[in-house]
Amino acid sequence: QVQLVESGGGLVQAGGSLRLSCATSGSIFRISAMAWHRQAPGKERELVAYIASGGSTDYGDSVKGRFTISRDNAKNTVYLQMNSLKPEDTAVYYCNLIPPGTAFAGPRWGQGTQVTVSS
């Protein structure tokens, strides 16, 4: 059964860096796009970064130039490198599996990992 397990969150001072990881199981990863979303208290979940199965990427305006999404298909893992962190980056970060088509019935979201940036 496919699982998505995030890690790497924590507490960091403003200006610091963190790298999030999302490890998946199953061959579905290689043919799927992946994304990171975040949700801060009292706010809606927002897209942070996206990477297609072929490697092309896109980012939310608030993180462009600071965050980098990447993937390692050999390890079934997607990463989010976060640099120059700001207090407003504080949120729960969620990994999102985006498989092609509609047949996939497994989980598409991880459990979330907390990122807290202190000023």
C-alpha atoms as a PDB file:
ATOM      1  CA  GLN A   1       0.000   0.000   0.000  1.00  0.00           C
ATOM      2  CA  VAL A   2       1.289   3.441  -0.887  1.00  0.00           C
ATOM      3  CA  GLN A   3       2.316   5.628   2.019  1.00  0.00           C
ATOM      4  CA  LEU A   4       3.679   9.160   2.120  1.00  0.00           C
ATOM      5  CA  VAL A   5       5.914   9.923   5.092  1.00  0.00           C
ATOM      6  CA  GLU A   6       7.210  13.451   5.625  1.00  0.00           C
ATOM      7  CA  SER A   7      10.205  14.382   7.738  1.00  0.00           C
ATOM      8  CA  GLY A   8      12.568  17.264   8.312  1.00  0.00           C
ATOM      9  CA  GLY A   9      10.354  19.832   9.950  1.00  0.00           C
ATOM     10  CA  GLY A  10      11.322  21.674  13.101  1.00  0.00           C
ATOM     11  CA  LEU A  11      12.102  24.995  14.698  1.00  0.00           C
ATOM     12  CA  VAL A  12      14.516  27.361  12.981  1.00  0.00           C
ATOM     13  CA  GLN A  13      15.422  31.022  13.303  1.00  0.00           C
ATOM     14  CA  ALA A  14      14.541  33.499  10.593  1.00  0.00           C
ATOM     15  CA  GLY A  15      17.114  33.375   7.815  1.00  0.00           C
ATOM     16  CA  GLY A  16      17.828  29.723   8.436  1.00  0.00           C
ATOM     17  CA  SER A  17      17.248  26.644   6.299  1.00  0.00           C
ATOM     18  CA  LEU A  18      15.442  23.347   6.499  1.00  0.00           C
ATOM     19  CA  ARG A  19      15.057  20.436   4.095  1.00  0.00           C
ATOM     20  CA  LEU A  20      11.835  18.488   4.078  1.00  0.00           C
ATOM     21  CA  SER A  21      11.624  14.968   2.713  1.00  0.00           C
ATOM     22  CA  CYS A  22       8.635  12.911   1.641  1.00  0.00           C
ATOM     23  CA  ALA A  23       9.295   9.232   1.143  1.00  0.00           C
ATOM     24  CA  THR A  24       6.753   7.162  -0.721  1.00  0.00           C
ATOM     25  CA  SER A  25       6.335   3.483  -1.421  1.00  0.00           C
ATOM     26  CA  GLY A  26       5.249   1.863  -4.633  1.00  0.00           C
ATOM     27  CA  SER A  27       6.006   2.380  -8.295  1.00  0.00           C
ATOM     28  CA  ILE A  28       3.334   5.061  -8.647  1.00  0.00           C
ATOM     29  CA  PHE A  29       5.852   7.697  -7.554  1.00  0.00           C
ATOM     30  CA  ARG A  30       7.873   7.640 -10.760  1.00  0.00           C
ATOM     31  CA  ILE A  31       4.910   8.436 -12.982  1.00  0.00           C
ATOM     32  CA  SER A  32       3.363  10.968 -10.632  1.00  0.00           C
ATOM     33  CA  ALA A  33       3.795  14.657 -10.157  1.00  0.00           C
ATOM     34  CA  MET A  34       4.487  15.708  -6.591  1.00  0.00           C
ATOM     35  CA  ALA A  35       3.799  18.874  -4.667  1.00  0.00           C
ATOM     36  CA  TRP A  36       4.270  20.500  -1.300  1.00  0.00           C
ATOM     37  CA  HIS A  37       1.473  22.482   0.274  1.00  0.00           C
ATOM     38  CA  ARG A  38       1.313  24.298   3.581  1.00  0.00           C
ATOM     39  CA  GLN A  39      -1.347  25.432   5.977  1.00  0.00           C
ATOM     40  CA  ALA A  40      -0.870  28.047   8.646  1.00  0.00           C
ATOM     41  CA  PRO A  41      -3.296  28.429  11.561  1.00  0.00           C
ATOM     42  CA  GLY A  42      -6.482  30.142  10.456  1.00  0.00           C
ATOM     43  CA  LYS A  43      -5.475  30.110   6.801  1.00  0.00           C
ATOM     44  CA  GLU A  44      -6.319  27.981   3.810  1.00  0.00           C
ATOM     45  CA  ARG A  45      -3.927  25.358   2.506  1.00  0.00           C
ATOM     46  CA  GLU A  46      -1.732  26.803  -0.240  1.00  0.00           C
ATOM     47  CA  LEU A  47       0.512  25.336  -2.902  1.00  0.00           C
ATOM     48  CA  VAL A  48       4.198  25.878  -2.166  1.00  0.00           C
ATOM     49  CA  ALA A  49       5.964  23.950  -4.923  1.00  0.00           C
ATOM     50  CA  TYR A  50       5.240  21.463  -7.681  1.00  0.00           C
ATOM     51  CA  ILE A  51       7.394  19.049  -9.642  1.00  0.00           C
ATOM     52  CA  ALA A  52       6.201  17.056 -12.627  1.00  0.00           C
ATOM     53  CA  SER A  53       7.175  13.444 -13.244  1.00  0.00           C
ATOM     54  CA  GLY A  54       9.609  14.727 -15.852  1.00  0.00           C
ATOM     55  CA  GLY A  55      11.183  17.210 -13.453  1.00  0.00           C
ATOM     56  CA  SER A  56       9.738  20.569 -14.440  1.00  0.00           C
ATOM     57  CA  THR A  57       8.926  22.754 -11.446  1.00  0.00           C
ATOM     58  CA  ASP A  58       6.703  25.605 -10.355  1.00  0.00           C
ATOM     59  CA  TYR A  59       6.493  27.629  -7.152  1.00  0.00           C
ATOM     60  CA  GLY A  60       4.137  29.800  -5.205  1.00  0.00           C
ATOM     61  CA  ASP A  61       4.971  33.485  -5.487  1.00  0.00           C
ATOM     62  CA  SER A  62       5.817  33.790  -1.803  1.00  0.00           C
ATOM     63  CA  VAL A  63       8.614  31.208  -1.958  1.00  0.00           C
ATOM     64  CA  LYS A  64      10.141  31.784  -5.392  1.00  0.00           C
ATOM     65  CA  GLY A  65      13.897  32.194  -5.160  1.00  0.00           C
ATOM     66  CA  ARG A  66      14.015  30.746  -1.636  1.00  0.00           C
ATOM     67  CA  PHE A  67      12.603  27.209  -1.904  1.00  0.00           C
ATOM     68  CA  THR A  68      13.652  24.409  -4.248  1.00  0.00           C
ATOM     69  CA  ILE A  69      11.708  21.234  -4.923  1.00  0.00           C
ATOM     70  CA  SER A  70      13.492  18.164  -6.243  1.00  0.00           C
ATOM     71  CA  ARG A  71      12.897  14.455  -6.595  1.00  0.00           C
ATOM     72  CA  ASP A  72      14.927  11.250  -6.495  1.00  0.00           C
ATOM     73  CA  ASN A  73      13.062   8.550  -8.376  1.00  0.00           C
ATOM     74  CA  ALA A  74      15.533   5.885  -7.254  1.00  0.00           C
ATOM     75  CA  LYS A  75      14.550   6.606  -3.651  1.00  0.00           C
ATOM     76  CA  ASN A  76      10.869   7.408  -4.297  1.00  0.00           C
ATOM     77  CA  THR A  77      11.433  10.645  -2.436  1.00  0.00           C
ATOM     78  CA  VAL A  78      10.633  14.294  -3.020  1.00  0.00           C
ATOM     79  CA  TYR A  79      12.451  17.089  -1.221  1.00  0.00           C
ATOM     80  CA  LEU A  80      11.797  20.709  -0.378  1.00  0.00           C
ATOM     81  CA  GLN A  81      14.897  22.767   0.348  1.00  0.00           C
ATOM     82  CA  MET A  82      13.846  25.903   2.202  1.00  0.00           C
ATOM     83  CA  ASN A  83      16.325  28.767   2.526  1.00  0.00           C
ATOM     84  CA  SER A  84      16.064  32.288   3.901  1.00  0.00           C
ATOM     85  CA  LEU A  85      13.117  31.227   6.012  1.00  0.00           C
ATOM     86  CA  LYS A  86      10.745  33.862   7.338  1.00  0.00           C
ATOM     87  CA  PRO A  87       8.299  33.770  10.260  1.00  0.00           C
ATOM     88  CA  GLU A  88       5.455  33.794   7.735  1.00  0.00           C
ATOM     89  CA  ASP A  89       6.697  30.428   6.441  1.00  0.00           C
ATOM     90  CA  THR A  90       5.510  28.889   9.706  1.00  0.00           C
ATOM     91  CA  ALA A  91       2.938  26.227   8.854  1.00  0.00           C
ATOM     92  CA  VAL A  92       2.277  22.525   8.616  1.00  0.00           C
ATOM     93  CA  TYR A  93       3.771  21.310   5.350  1.00  0.00           C
ATOM     94  CA  TYR A  94       2.090  18.487   3.457  1.00  0.00           C
ATOM     95  CA  CYS A  95       3.409  16.248   0.722  1.00  0.00           C
ATOM     96  CA  ASN A  96       0.968  15.611  -2.130  1.00  0.00           C
ATOM     97  CA  LEU A  97       1.070  12.764  -4.647  1.00  0.00           C
ATOM     98  CA  ILE A  98      -0.520  13.635  -8.006  1.00  0.00           C
ATOM     99  CA  PRO A  99      -0.814  10.464 -10.108  1.00  0.00           C
ATOM    100  CA  PRO A 100      -1.898  10.511 -13.745  1.00  0.00           C
ATOM    101  CA  GLY A 101      -5.517   9.717 -14.527  1.00  0.00           C
ATOM    102  CA  THR A 102      -8.188   8.863 -12.000  1.00  0.00           C
ATOM    103  CA  ALA A 103      -7.655   5.158 -11.281  1.00  0.00           C
ATOM    104  CA  PHE A 104      -5.336   5.547  -8.300  1.00  0.00           C
ATOM    105  CA  ALA A 105      -7.266   4.905  -5.101  1.00  0.00           C
ATOM    106  CA  GLY A 106      -4.476   5.194  -2.546  1.00  0.00           C
ATOM    107  CA  PRO A 107      -3.514   8.063  -0.258  1.00  0.00           C
ATOM    108  CA  ARG A 108      -2.478  11.321  -1.924  1.00  0.00           C
ATOM    109  CA  TRP A 109      -1.439  13.262   1.191  1.00  0.00           C
ATOM    110  CA  GLY A 110       1.120  12.792   3.902  1.00  0.00           C
ATOM    111  CA  GLN A 111       0.419  13.417   7.573  1.00  0.00           C
ATOM    112  CA  GLY A 112       2.172  16.785   7.590  1.00  0.00           C
ATOM    113  CA  THR A 113       5.293  18.104   9.264  1.00  0.00           C
ATOM    114  CA  GLN A 114       5.437  21.278  11.350  1.00  0.00           C
ATOM    115  CA  VAL A 115       7.808  24.064  10.372  1.00  0.00           C
ATOM    116  CA  THR A 116       8.186  26.923  12.836  1.00  0.00           C
ATOM    117  CA  VAL A 117      10.316  29.966  12.044  1.00  0.00           C
ATOM    118  CA  SER A 118      11.122  32.252  14.955  1.00  0.00           C
ATOM    119  CA  SER A 119      11.871  35.938  14.506  1.00  0.00           C
END
